[in-house]
Structures are given as C-alpha cells and as structure tokens.
C-alpha cells in the first residue's frame, strides 16, 4: 500500500516497524518485497 501511496512518506515522519523475529540487526533489510532498507548506522 505504501508503494502505491508514496504521499505517506511526504506527510508522515513518525514511522514505526515491529519485528517478526528478534535477532542481530543486519546492515540491510526489507519491508516485504517492495522496499530495501539500510541501517542508519552505516557511515556516509
């Protein structure tokens, strides 16, 4: 739904996620099969 309605990213700043499974934090992850995520701790 977010992929089809990108205006949410323009208007909302307080976006939260939950874990399905706990574990170590990887440098990259994904939100379903729509978005790729990068750790905010990666330098530059």
ModelCIF file with pLDDT and N, C-alpha, C, O atoms, coordinates in Angstrom:
data_MODEL
#
_entry.id   MODEL 
#
_entity.id                         1 
_entity.type                       polymer 
_entity.pdbx_number_of_molecules   1 
#
_entity_poly.entity_id                      1 
_entity_poly.type                           'polypeptide(L)' 
_entity_poly.nstd_linkage                   no 
_entity_poly.nstd_monomer                   no 
_entity_poly.pdbx_seq_one_letter_code       
;(UNK)(UNK)(UNK)(UNK)(UNK)(UNK)(UNK)(UNK)(UNK)(UNK)(UNK)(UNK)(UNK)(UNK)(UNK)(UNK)
(UNK)(UNK)(UNK)(UNK)(UNK)(UNK)(UNK)(UNK)(UNK)(UNK)(UNK)(UNK)(UNK)(UNK)(UNK)(UNK)
(UNK)(UNK)(UNK)(UNK)(UNK)(UNK)(UNK)(UNK)(UNK)(UNK)(UNK)(UNK)
;
_entity_poly.pdbx_seq_one_letter_code_can   XXXXXXXXXXXXXXXXXXXXXXXXXXXXXXXXXXXXXXXXXXXX 
_entity_poly.pdbx_strand_id                 A 
#
loop_
_entity_poly_seq.entity_id 
_entity_poly_seq.num 
_entity_poly_seq.mon_id 
_entity_poly_seq.hetero 
1 1  UNK n 
1 2  UNK n 
1 3  UNK n 
1 4  UNK n 
1 5  UNK n 
1 6  UNK n 
1 7  UNK n 
1 8  UNK n 
1 9  UNK n 
1 10 UNK n 
1 11 UNK n 
1 12 UNK n 
1 13 UNK n 
1 14 UNK n 
1 15 UNK n 
1 16 UNK n 
1 17 UNK n 
1 18 UNK n 
1 19 UNK n 
1 20 UNK n 
1 21 UNK n 
1 22 UNK n 
1 23 UNK n 
1 24 UNK n 
1 25 UNK n 
1 26 UNK n 
1 27 UNK n 
1 28 UNK n 
1 29 UNK n 
1 30 UNK n 
1 31 UNK n 
1 32 UNK n 
1 33 UNK n 
1 34 UNK n 
1 35 UNK n 
1 36 UNK n 
1 37 UNK n 
1 38 UNK n 
1 39 UNK n 
1 40 UNK n 
1 41 UNK n 
1 42 UNK n 
1 43 UNK n 
1 44 UNK n 
#
_struct_asym.id          A 
_struct_asym.entity_id   1 
#
loop_
_ma_qa_metric.id 
_ma_qa_metric.mode 
_ma_qa_metric.name 
_ma_qa_metric.software_group_id 
_ma_qa_metric.type 
1 global pLDDT . pLDDT 
2 local  pLDDT . pLDDT 
#
_ma_qa_metric_global.metric_id      1 
_ma_qa_metric_global.metric_value   85.02 
_ma_qa_metric_global.model_id       1 
_ma_qa_metric_global.ordinal_id     1 
#
loop_
_ma_qa_metric_local.label_asym_id 
_ma_qa_metric_local.label_comp_id 
_ma_qa_metric_local.label_seq_id 
_ma_qa_metric_local.metric_id 
_ma_qa_metric_local.metric_value 
_ma_qa_metric_local.model_id 
_ma_qa_metric_local.ordinal_id 
A UNK 1  2 79.00 1 1  
A UNK 2  2 79.00 1 2  
A UNK 3  2 76.00 1 3  
A UNK 4  2 76.00 1 4  
A UNK 5  2 74.00 1 5  
A UNK 6  2 74.00 1 6  
A UNK 7  2 73.00 1 7  
A UNK 8  2 71.00 1 8  
A UNK 9  2 73.00 1 9  
A UNK 10 2 70.00 1 10 
A UNK 11 2 62.00 1 11 
A UNK 12 2 62.00 1 12 
A UNK 13 2 70.00 1 13 
A UNK 14 2 80.00 1 14 
A UNK 15 2 86.00 1 15 
A UNK 16 2 89.00 1 16 
A UNK 17 2 90.00 1 17 
A UNK 18 2 89.00 1 18 
A UNK 19 2 90.00 1 19 
A UNK 20 2 89.00 1 20 
A UNK 21 2 87.00 1 21 
A UNK 22 2 88.00 1 22 
A UNK 23 2 87.00 1 23 
A UNK 24 2 88.00 1 24 
A UNK 25 2 90.00 1 25 
A UNK 26 2 92.00 1 26 
A UNK 27 2 94.00 1 27 
A UNK 28 2 94.00 1 28 
A UNK 29 2 93.00 1 29 
A UNK 30 2 91.00 1 30 
A UNK 31 2 88.00 1 31 
A UNK 32 2 86.00 1 32 
A UNK 33 2 85.00 1 33 
A UNK 34 2 87.00 1 34 
A UNK 35 2 91.00 1 35 
A UNK 36 2 94.00 1 36 
A UNK 37 2 94.00 1 37 
A UNK 38 2 95.00 1 38 
A UNK 39 2 94.00 1 39 
A UNK 40 2 94.00 1 40 
A UNK 41 2 93.00 1 41 
A UNK 42 2 95.00 1 42 
A UNK 43 2 94.00 1 43 
A UNK 44 2 95.00 1 44 
#
loop_
_atom_site.group_PDB 
_atom_site.id 
_atom_site.type_symbol 
_atom_site.label_atom_id 
_atom_site.label_alt_id 
_atom_site.label_comp_id 
_atom_site.label_asym_id 
_atom_site.label_entity_id 
_atom_site.label_seq_id 
_atom_site.pdbx_PDB_ins_code 
_atom_site.Cartn_x 
_atom_site.Cartn_y 
_atom_site.Cartn_z 
_atom_site.occupancy 
_atom_site.B_iso_or_equiv 
_atom_site.pdbx_formal_charge 
_atom_site.auth_seq_id 
_atom_site.auth_comp_id 
_atom_site.auth_asym_id 
_atom_site.auth_atom_id 
_atom_site.pdbx_PDB_model_num 
ATOM 1   N N  . UNK A 1 1  ? 0.832  -1.201  0.000  1.00 79.00 ? 1  UNK A N  1 
ATOM 2   C CA . UNK A 1 1  ? 0.000  0.000   0.000  1.00 79.00 ? 1  UNK A CA 1 
ATOM 3   C C  . UNK A 1 1  ? 0.867  1.251   0.000  1.00 79.00 ? 1  UNK A C  1 
ATOM 4   O O  . UNK A 1 1  ? 0.544  2.236   -0.664 1.00 79.00 ? 1  UNK A O  1 
ATOM 5   N N  . UNK A 1 2  ? 1.969  1.212   0.745  1.00 79.00 ? 2  UNK A N  1 
ATOM 6   C CA . UNK A 1 2  ? 2.885  2.349   0.768  1.00 79.00 ? 2  UNK A CA 1 
ATOM 7   C C  . UNK A 1 2  ? 3.511  2.582   -0.597 1.00 79.00 ? 2  UNK A C  1 
ATOM 8   O O  . UNK A 1 2  ? 3.743  3.723   -0.997 1.00 79.00 ? 2  UNK A O  1 
ATOM 9   N N  . UNK A 1 3  ? 3.785  1.486   -1.317 1.00 76.00 ? 3  UNK A N  1 
ATOM 10  C CA . UNK A 1 3  ? 4.367  1.601   -2.649 1.00 76.00 ? 3  UNK A CA 1 
ATOM 11  C C  . UNK A 1 3  ? 3.400  2.305   -3.599 1.00 76.00 ? 3  UNK A C  1 
ATOM 12  O O  . UNK A 1 3  ? 3.820  3.065   -4.471 1.00 76.00 ? 3  UNK A O  1 
ATOM 13  N N  . UNK A 1 4  ? 2.106  2.048   -3.425 1.00 76.00 ? 4  UNK A N  1 
ATOM 14  C CA . UNK A 1 4  ? 1.099  2.659   -4.288 1.00 76.00 ? 4  UNK A CA 1 
ATOM 15  C C  . UNK A 1 4  ? 0.683  4.048   -3.819 1.00 76.00 ? 4  UNK A C  1 
ATOM 16  O O  . UNK A 1 4  ? 0.079  4.808   -4.576 1.00 76.00 ? 4  UNK A O  1 
ATOM 17  N N  . UNK A 1 5  ? 1.007  4.380   -2.563 1.00 74.00 ? 5  UNK A N  1 
ATOM 18  C CA . UNK A 1 5  ? 0.615  5.671   -1.990 1.00 74.00 ? 5  UNK A CA 1 
ATOM 19  C C  . UNK A 1 5  ? 1.821  6.363   -1.348 1.00 74.00 ? 5  UNK A C  1 
ATOM 20  O O  . UNK A 1 5  ? 1.874  6.502   -0.126 1.00 74.00 ? 5  UNK A O  1 
ATOM 21  N N  . UNK A 1 6  ? 2.779  6.792   -2.155 1.00 74.00 ? 6  UNK A N  1 
ATOM 22  C CA . UNK A 1 6  ? 4.017  7.372   -1.603 1.00 74.00 ? 6  UNK A CA 1 
ATOM 23  C C  . UNK A 1 6  ? 3.820  8.691   -0.875 1.00 74.00 ? 6  UNK A C  1 
ATOM 24  O O  . UNK A 1 6  ? 4.750  9.190   -0.241 1.00 74.00 ? 6  UNK A O  1 
ATOM 25  N N  . UNK A 1 7  ? 2.610  9.271   -0.958 1.00 73.00 ? 7  UNK A N  1 
ATOM 26  C CA . UNK A 1 7  ? 2.374  10.542  -0.265 1.00 73.00 ? 7  UNK A CA 1 
ATOM 27  C C  . UNK A 1 7  ? 2.510  10.396  1.247  1.00 73.00 ? 7  UNK A C  1 
ATOM 28  O O  . UNK A 1 7  ? 2.765  11.378  1.945  1.00 73.00 ? 7  UNK A O  1 
ATOM 29  N N  . UNK A 1 8  ? 2.338  9.158   1.764  1.00 71.00 ? 8  UNK A N  1 
ATOM 30  C CA . UNK A 1 8  ? 2.545  8.939   3.198  1.00 71.00 ? 8  UNK A CA 1 
ATOM 31  C C  . UNK A 1 8  ? 3.968  9.308   3.610  1.00 71.00 ? 8  UNK A C  1 
ATOM 32  O O  . UNK A 1 8  ? 4.182  9.820   4.709  1.00 71.00 ? 8  UNK A O  1 
ATOM 33  N N  . UNK A 1 9  ? 4.926  9.056   2.747  1.00 73.00 ? 9  UNK A N  1 
ATOM 34  C CA . UNK A 1 9  ? 6.312  9.369   3.068  1.00 73.00 ? 9  UNK A CA 1 
ATOM 35  C C  . UNK A 1 9  ? 6.550  10.881  3.095  1.00 73.00 ? 9  UNK A C  1 
ATOM 36  O O  . UNK A 1 9  ? 7.459  11.356  3.776  1.00 73.00 ? 9  UNK A O  1 
ATOM 37  N N  . UNK A 1 10 ? 5.749  11.621  2.366  1.00 70.00 ? 10 UNK A N  1 
ATOM 38  C CA . UNK A 1 10 ? 5.922  13.072  2.321  1.00 70.00 ? 10 UNK A CA 1 
ATOM 39  C C  . UNK A 1 10 ? 5.269  13.764  3.518  1.00 70.00 ? 10 UNK A C  1 
ATOM 40  O O  . UNK A 1 10 ? 5.736  14.810  3.968  1.00 70.00 ? 10 UNK A O  1 
ATOM 41  N N  . UNK A 1 11 ? 4.199  13.180  4.023  1.00 62.00 ? 11 UNK A N  1 
ATOM 42  C CA . UNK A 1 11 ? 3.410  13.856  5.057  1.00 62.00 ? 11 UNK A CA 1 
ATOM 43  C C  . UNK A 1 11 ? 3.629  13.313  6.466  1.00 62.00 ? 11 UNK A C  1 
ATOM 44  O O  . UNK A 1 11 ? 3.363  14.017  7.440  1.00 62.00 ? 11 UNK A O  1 
ATOM 45  N N  . UNK A 1 12 ? 4.111  12.065  6.597  1.00 62.00 ? 12 UNK A N  1 
ATOM 46  C CA . UNK A 1 12 ? 4.259  11.451  7.913  1.00 62.00 ? 12 UNK A CA 1 
ATOM 47  C C  . UNK A 1 12 ? 5.735  11.232  8.243  1.00 62.00 ? 12 UNK A C  1 
ATOM 48  O O  . UNK A 1 12 ? 6.500  10.739  7.414  1.00 62.00 ? 12 UNK A O  1 
ATOM 49  N N  . UNK A 1 13 ? 6.124  11.605  9.460  1.00 70.00 ? 13 UNK A N  1 
ATOM 50  C CA . UNK A 1 13 ? 7.522  11.481  9.866  1.00 70.00 ? 13 UNK A CA 1 
ATOM 51  C C  . UNK A 1 13 ? 7.740  10.412  10.940 1.00 70.00 ? 13 UNK A C  1 
ATOM 52  O O  . UNK A 1 13 ? 8.856  9.926   11.119 1.00 70.00 ? 13 UNK A O  1 
ATOM 53  N N  . UNK A 1 14 ? 6.670  10.051  11.652 1.00 80.00 ? 14 UNK A N  1 
ATOM 54  C CA . UNK A 1 14 ? 6.803  9.119   12.765 1.00 80.00 ? 14 UNK A CA 1 
ATOM 55  C C  . UNK A 1 14 ? 6.425  7.707   12.317 1.00 80.00 ? 14 UNK A C  1 
ATOM 56  O O  . UNK A 1 14 ? 5.339  7.217   12.626 1.00 80.00 ? 14 UNK A O  1 
ATOM 57  N N  . UNK A 1 15 ? 7.331  7.066   11.587 1.00 86.00 ? 15 UNK A N  1 
ATOM 58  C CA . UNK A 1 15 ? 7.077  5.738   11.032 1.00 86.00 ? 15 UNK A CA 1 
ATOM 59  C C  . UNK A 1 15 ? 7.746  4.675   11.911 1.00 86.00 ? 15 UNK A C  1 
ATOM 60  O O  . UNK A 1 15 ? 8.938  4.762   12.208 1.00 86.00 ? 15 UNK A O  1 
ATOM 61  N N  . UNK A 1 16 ? 6.961  3.672   12.322 1.00 89.00 ? 16 UNK A N  1 
ATOM 62  C CA . UNK A 1 16 ? 7.463  2.632   13.220 1.00 89.00 ? 16 UNK A CA 1 
ATOM 63  C C  . UNK A 1 16 ? 7.310  1.250   12.579 1.00 89.00 ? 16 UNK A C  1 
ATOM 64  O O  . UNK A 1 16 ? 6.396  1.014   11.790 1.00 89.00 ? 16 UNK A O  1 
ATOM 65  N N  . UNK A 1 17 ? 8.226  0.345   12.936 1.00 90.00 ? 17 UNK A N  1 
ATOM 66  C CA . UNK A 1 17 ? 8.118  -1.040  12.488 1.00 90.00 ? 17 UNK A CA 1 
ATOM 67  C C  . UNK A 1 17 ? 8.229  -1.980  13.677 1.00 90.00 ? 17 UNK A C  1 
ATOM 68  O O  . UNK A 1 17 ? 8.680  -1.589  14.753 1.00 90.00 ? 17 UNK A O  1 
ATOM 69  N N  . UNK A 1 18 ? 7.812  -3.227  13.469 1.00 89.00 ? 18 UNK A N  1 
ATOM 70  C CA . UNK A 1 18 ? 7.918  -4.256  14.501 1.00 89.00 ? 18 UNK A CA 1 
ATOM 71  C C  . UNK A 1 18 ? 8.686  -5.448  13.956 1.00 89.00 ? 18 UNK A C  1 
ATOM 72  O O  . UNK A 1 18 ? 8.734  -5.672  12.747 1.00 89.00 ? 18 UNK A O  1 
ATOM 73  N N  . UNK A 1 19 ? 9.284  -6.208  14.860 1.00 90.00 ? 19 UNK A N  1 
ATOM 74  C CA . UNK A 1 19 ? 9.976  -7.433  14.468 1.00 90.00 ? 19 UNK A CA 1 
ATOM 75  C C  . UNK A 1 19 ? 9.006  -8.610  14.426 1.00 90.00 ? 19 UNK A C  1 
ATOM 76  O O  . UNK A 1 19 ? 8.141  -8.760  15.290 1.00 90.00 ? 19 UNK A O  1 
ATOM 77  N N  . UNK A 1 20 ? 9.177  -9.444  13.390 1.00 89.00 ? 20 UNK A N  1 
ATOM 78  C CA . UNK A 1 20 ? 8.513  -10.748 13.385 1.00 89.00 ? 20 UNK A CA 1 
ATOM 79  C C  . UNK A 1 20 ? 9.368  -11.753 14.146 1.00 89.00 ? 20 UNK A C  1 
ATOM 80  O O  . UNK A 1 20 ? 8.857  -12.678 14.779 1.00 89.00 ? 20 UNK A O  1 
ATOM 81  N N  . UNK A 1 21 ? 10.697 -11.548 14.069 1.00 87.00 ? 21 UNK A N  1 
ATOM 82  C CA . UNK A 1 21 ? 11.659 -12.412 14.765 1.00 87.00 ? 21 UNK A CA 1 
ATOM 83  C C  . UNK A 1 21 ? 12.804 -11.542 15.248 1.00 87.00 ? 21 UNK A C  1 
ATOM 84  O O  . UNK A 1 21 ? 13.356 -10.749 14.485 1.00 87.00 ? 21 UNK A O  1 
ATOM 85  N N  . UNK A 1 22 ? 13.162 -11.691 16.525 1.00 88.00 ? 22 UNK A N  1 
ATOM 86  C CA . UNK A 1 22 ? 14.279 -10.930 17.069 1.00 88.00 ? 22 UNK A CA 1 
ATOM 87  C C  . UNK A 1 22 ? 15.605 -11.564 16.670 1.00 88.00 ? 22 UNK A C  1 
ATOM 88  O O  . UNK A 1 22 ? 15.668 -12.752 16.351 1.00 88.00 ? 22 UNK A O  1 
ATOM 89  N N  . UNK A 1 23 ? 16.652 -10.767 16.690 1.00 87.00 ? 23 UNK A N  1 
ATOM 90  C CA . UNK A 1 23 ? 17.985 -11.258 16.367 1.00 87.00 ? 23 UNK A CA 1 
ATOM 91  C C  . UNK A 1 23 ? 18.933 -10.094 16.200 1.00 87.00 ? 23 UNK A C  1 
ATOM 92  O O  . UNK A 1 23 ? 18.610 -8.958  16.549 1.00 87.00 ? 23 UNK A O  1 
ATOM 93  N N  . UNK A 1 24 ? 20.101 -10.381 15.664 1.00 88.00 ? 24 UNK A N  1 
ATOM 94  C CA . UNK A 1 24 ? 21.068 -9.317  15.392 1.00 88.00 ? 24 UNK A CA 1 
ATOM 95  C C  . UNK A 1 24 ? 20.491 -8.364  14.345 1.00 88.00 ? 24 UNK A C  1 
ATOM 96  O O  . UNK A 1 24 ? 19.634 -8.743  13.547 1.00 88.00 ? 24 UNK A O  1 
ATOM 97  N N  . UNK A 1 25 ? 20.971 -7.138  14.363 1.00 90.00 ? 25 UNK A N  1 
ATOM 98  C CA . UNK A 1 25 ? 20.492 -6.142  13.405 1.00 90.00 ? 25 UNK A CA 1 
ATOM 99  C C  . UNK A 1 25 ? 21.386 -6.170  12.171 1.00 90.00 ? 25 UNK A C  1 
ATOM 100 O O  . UNK A 1 25 ? 22.584 -5.907  12.276 1.00 90.00 ? 25 UNK A O  1 
ATOM 101 N N  . UNK A 1 26 ? 20.825 -6.484  10.998 1.00 92.00 ? 26 UNK A N  1 
ATOM 102 C CA . UNK A 1 26 ? 21.632 -6.562  9.784  1.00 92.00 ? 26 UNK A CA 1 
ATOM 103 C C  . UNK A 1 26 ? 21.881 -5.169  9.198  1.00 92.00 ? 26 UNK A C  1 
ATOM 104 O O  . UNK A 1 26 ? 21.175 -4.222  9.542  1.00 92.00 ? 26 UNK A O  1 
ATOM 105 N N  . UNK A 1 27 ? 22.875 -5.037  8.322  1.00 94.00 ? 27 UNK A N  1 
ATOM 106 C CA . UNK A 1 27 ? 23.118 -3.731  7.694  1.00 94.00 ? 27 UNK A CA 1 
ATOM 107 C C  . UNK A 1 27 ? 22.048 -3.347  6.685  1.00 94.00 ? 27 UNK A C  1 
ATOM 108 O O  . UNK A 1 27 ? 21.831 -2.165  6.419  1.00 94.00 ? 27 UNK A O  1 
ATOM 109 N N  . UNK A 1 28 ? 21.376 -4.355  6.122  1.00 94.00 ? 28 UNK A N  1 
ATOM 110 C CA . UNK A 1 28 ? 20.248 -4.102  5.215  1.00 94.00 ? 28 UNK A CA 1 
ATOM 111 C C  . UNK A 1 28 ? 19.115 -5.048  5.583  1.00 94.00 ? 28 UNK A C  1 
ATOM 112 O O  . UNK A 1 28 ? 19.334 -6.101  6.181  1.00 94.00 ? 28 UNK A O  1 
ATOM 113 N N  . UNK A 1 29 ? 17.903 -4.655  5.215  1.00 93.00 ? 29 UNK A N  1 
ATOM 114 C CA . UNK A 1 29 ? 16.738 -5.499  5.443  1.00 93.00 ? 29 UNK A CA 1 
ATOM 115 C C  . UNK A 1 29 ? 15.716 -5.145  4.368  1.00 93.00 ? 29 UNK A C  1 
ATOM 116 O O  . UNK A 1 29 ? 16.039 -4.453  3.402  1.00 93.00 ? 29 UNK A O  1 
ATOM 117 N N  . UNK A 1 30 ? 14.494 -5.617  4.535  1.00 91.00 ? 30 UNK A N  1 
ATOM 118 C CA . UNK A 1 30 ? 13.464 -5.304  3.545  1.00 91.00 ? 30 UNK A CA 1 
ATOM 119 C C  . UNK A 1 30 ? 12.122 -5.123  4.229  1.00 91.00 ? 30 UNK A C  1 
ATOM 120 O O  . UNK A 1 30 ? 11.875 -5.657  5.310  1.00 91.00 ? 30 UNK A O  1 
ATOM 121 N N  . UNK A 1 31 ? 11.276 -4.367  3.583  1.00 88.00 ? 31 UNK A N  1 
ATOM 122 C CA . UNK A 1 31 ? 9.900  -4.189  4.010  1.00 88.00 ? 31 UNK A CA 1 
ATOM 123 C C  . UNK A 1 31 ? 9.061  -4.945  2.995  1.00 88.00 ? 31 UNK A C  1 
ATOM 124 O O  . UNK A 1 31 ? 8.753  -4.431  1.920  1.00 88.00 ? 31 UNK A O  1 
ATOM 125 N N  . UNK A 1 32 ? 8.692  -6.186  3.353  1.00 86.00 ? 32 UNK A N  1 
ATOM 126 C CA . UNK A 1 32 ? 8.058  -7.071  2.384  1.00 86.00 ? 32 UNK A CA 1 
ATOM 127 C C  . UNK A 1 32 ? 8.996  -7.287  1.210  1.00 86.00 ? 32 UNK A C  1 
ATOM 128 O O  . UNK A 1 32 ? 10.205 -7.430  1.388  1.00 86.00 ? 32 UNK A O  1 
ATOM 129 N N  . UNK A 1 33 ? 8.435  -7.311  0.015  1.00 85.00 ? 33 UNK A N  1 
ATOM 130 C CA . UNK A 1 33 ? 9.262  -7.427  -1.192 1.00 85.00 ? 33 UNK A CA 1 
ATOM 131 C C  . UNK A 1 33 ? 9.193  -6.143  -2.007 1.00 85.00 ? 33 UNK A C  1 
ATOM 132 O O  . UNK A 1 33 ? 9.436  -6.140  -3.214 1.00 85.00 ? 33 UNK A O  1 
ATOM 133 N N  . UNK A 1 34 ? 8.856  -5.045  -1.319 1.00 87.00 ? 34 UNK A N  1 
ATOM 134 C CA . UNK A 1 34 ? 8.675  -3.763  -2.000 1.00 87.00 ? 34 UNK A CA 1 
ATOM 135 C C  . UNK A 1 34 ? 9.822  -2.786  -1.783 1.00 87.00 ? 34 UNK A C  1 
ATOM 136 O O  . UNK A 1 34 ? 10.228 -2.081  -2.707 1.00 87.00 ? 34 UNK A O  1 
ATOM 137 N N  . UNK A 1 35 ? 10.349 -2.747  -0.551 1.00 91.00 ? 35 UNK A N  1 
ATOM 138 C CA . UNK A 1 35 ? 11.359 -1.748  -0.206 1.00 91.00 ? 35 UNK A CA 1 
ATOM 139 C C  . UNK A 1 35 ? 12.605 -2.406  0.384  1.00 91.00 ? 35 UNK A C  1 
ATOM 140 O O  . UNK A 1 35 ? 12.519 -3.392  1.116  1.00 91.00 ? 35 UNK A O  1 
ATOM 141 N N  . UNK A 1 36 ? 13.748 -1.847  0.054  1.00 94.00 ? 36 UNK A N  1 
ATOM 142 C CA . UNK A 1 36 ? 15.016 -2.238  0.670  1.00 94.00 ? 36 UNK A CA 1 
ATOM 143 C C  . UNK A 1 36 ? 15.359 -1.195  1.731  1.00 94.00 ? 36 UNK A C  1 
ATOM 144 O O  . UNK A 1 36 ? 15.185 0.005   1.521  1.00 94.00 ? 36 UNK A O  1 
ATOM 145 N N  . UNK A 1 37 ? 15.850 -1.676  2.877  1.00 94.00 ? 37 UNK A N  1 
ATOM 146 C CA . UNK A 1 37 ? 16.190 -0.811  3.999  1.00 94.00 ? 37 UNK A CA 1 
ATOM 147 C C  . UNK A 1 37 ? 17.689 -0.877  4.266  1.00 94.00 ? 37 UNK A C  1 
ATOM 148 O O  . UNK A 1 37 ? 18.308 -1.932  4.128  1.00 94.00 ? 37 UNK A O  1 
ATOM 149 N N  . UNK A 1 38 ? 18.259 0.247   4.645  1.00 95.00 ? 38 UNK A N  1 
ATOM 150 C CA . UNK A 1 38 ? 19.656 0.314   5.060  1.00 95.00 ? 38 UNK A CA 1 
ATOM 151 C C  . UNK A 1 38 ? 19.713 0.765   6.514  1.00 95.00 ? 38 UNK A C  1 
ATOM 152 O O  . UNK A 1 38 ? 18.930 1.614   6.940  1.00 95.00 ? 38 UNK A O  1 
ATOM 153 N N  . UNK A 1 39 ? 20.645 0.194   7.274  1.00 94.00 ? 39 UNK A N  1 
ATOM 154 C CA . UNK A 1 39 ? 20.837 0.645   8.645  1.00 94.00 ? 39 UNK A CA 1 
ATOM 155 C C  . UNK A 1 39 ? 21.271 2.108   8.649  1.00 94.00 ? 39 UNK A C  1 
ATOM 156 O O  . UNK A 1 39 ? 22.124 2.516   7.860  1.00 94.00 ? 39 UNK A O  1 
ATOM 157 N N  . UNK A 1 40 ? 20.678 2.885   9.541  1.00 94.00 ? 40 UNK A N  1 
ATOM 158 C CA . UNK A 1 40 ? 21.044 4.299   9.659  1.00 94.00 ? 40 UNK A CA 1 
ATOM 159 C C  . UNK A 1 40 ? 22.442 4.464   10.230 1.00 94.00 ? 40 UNK A C  1 
ATOM 160 O O  . UNK A 1 40 ? 22.997 5.562   10.201 1.00 94.00 ? 40 UNK A O  1 
ATOM 161 N N  . UNK A 1 41 ? 23.021 3.379   10.753 1.00 93.00 ? 41 UNK A N  1 
ATOM 162 C CA . UNK A 1 41 ? 24.360 3.456   11.343 1.00 93.00 ? 41 UNK A CA 1 
ATOM 163 C C  . UNK A 1 41 ? 25.478 3.353   10.303 1.00 93.00 ? 41 UNK A C  1 
ATOM 164 O O  . UNK A 1 41 ? 26.644 3.573   10.629 1.00 93.00 ? 41 UNK A O  1 
ATOM 165 N N  . UNK A 1 42 ? 25.136 3.020   9.060  1.00 95.00 ? 42 UNK A N  1 
ATOM 166 C CA . UNK A 1 42 ? 26.160 2.907   8.012  1.00 95.00 ? 42 UNK A CA 1 
ATOM 167 C C  . UNK A 1 42 ? 26.733 4.296   7.728  1.00 95.00 ? 42 UNK A C  1 
ATOM 168 O O  . UNK A 1 42 ? 26.003 5.234   7.408  1.00 95.00 ? 42 UNK A O  1 
ATOM 169 N N  . UNK A 1 43 ? 28.039 4.401   7.852  1.00 94.00 ? 43 UNK A N  1 
ATOM 170 C CA . UNK A 1 43 ? 28.696 5.690   7.639  1.00 94.00 ? 43 UNK A CA 1 
ATOM 171 C C  . UNK A 1 43 ? 28.522 6.157   6.190  1.00 94.00 ? 43 UNK A C  1 
ATOM 172 O O  . UNK A 1 43 ? 28.666 5.375   5.250  1.00 94.00 ? 43 UNK A O  1 
ATOM 173 N N  . UNK A 1 44 ? 28.212 7.435   6.034  1.00 95.00 ? 44 UNK A N  1 
ATOM 174 C CA . UNK A 1 44 ? 28.039 8.075   4.713  1.00 95.00 ? 44 UNK A CA 1 
ATOM 175 C C  . UNK A 1 44 ? 26.853 7.516   3.924  1.00 95.00 ? 44 UNK A C  1 
ATOM 176 O O  . UNK A 1 44 ? 26.592 7.959   2.806  1.00 95.00 ? 44 UNK A O  1 
#
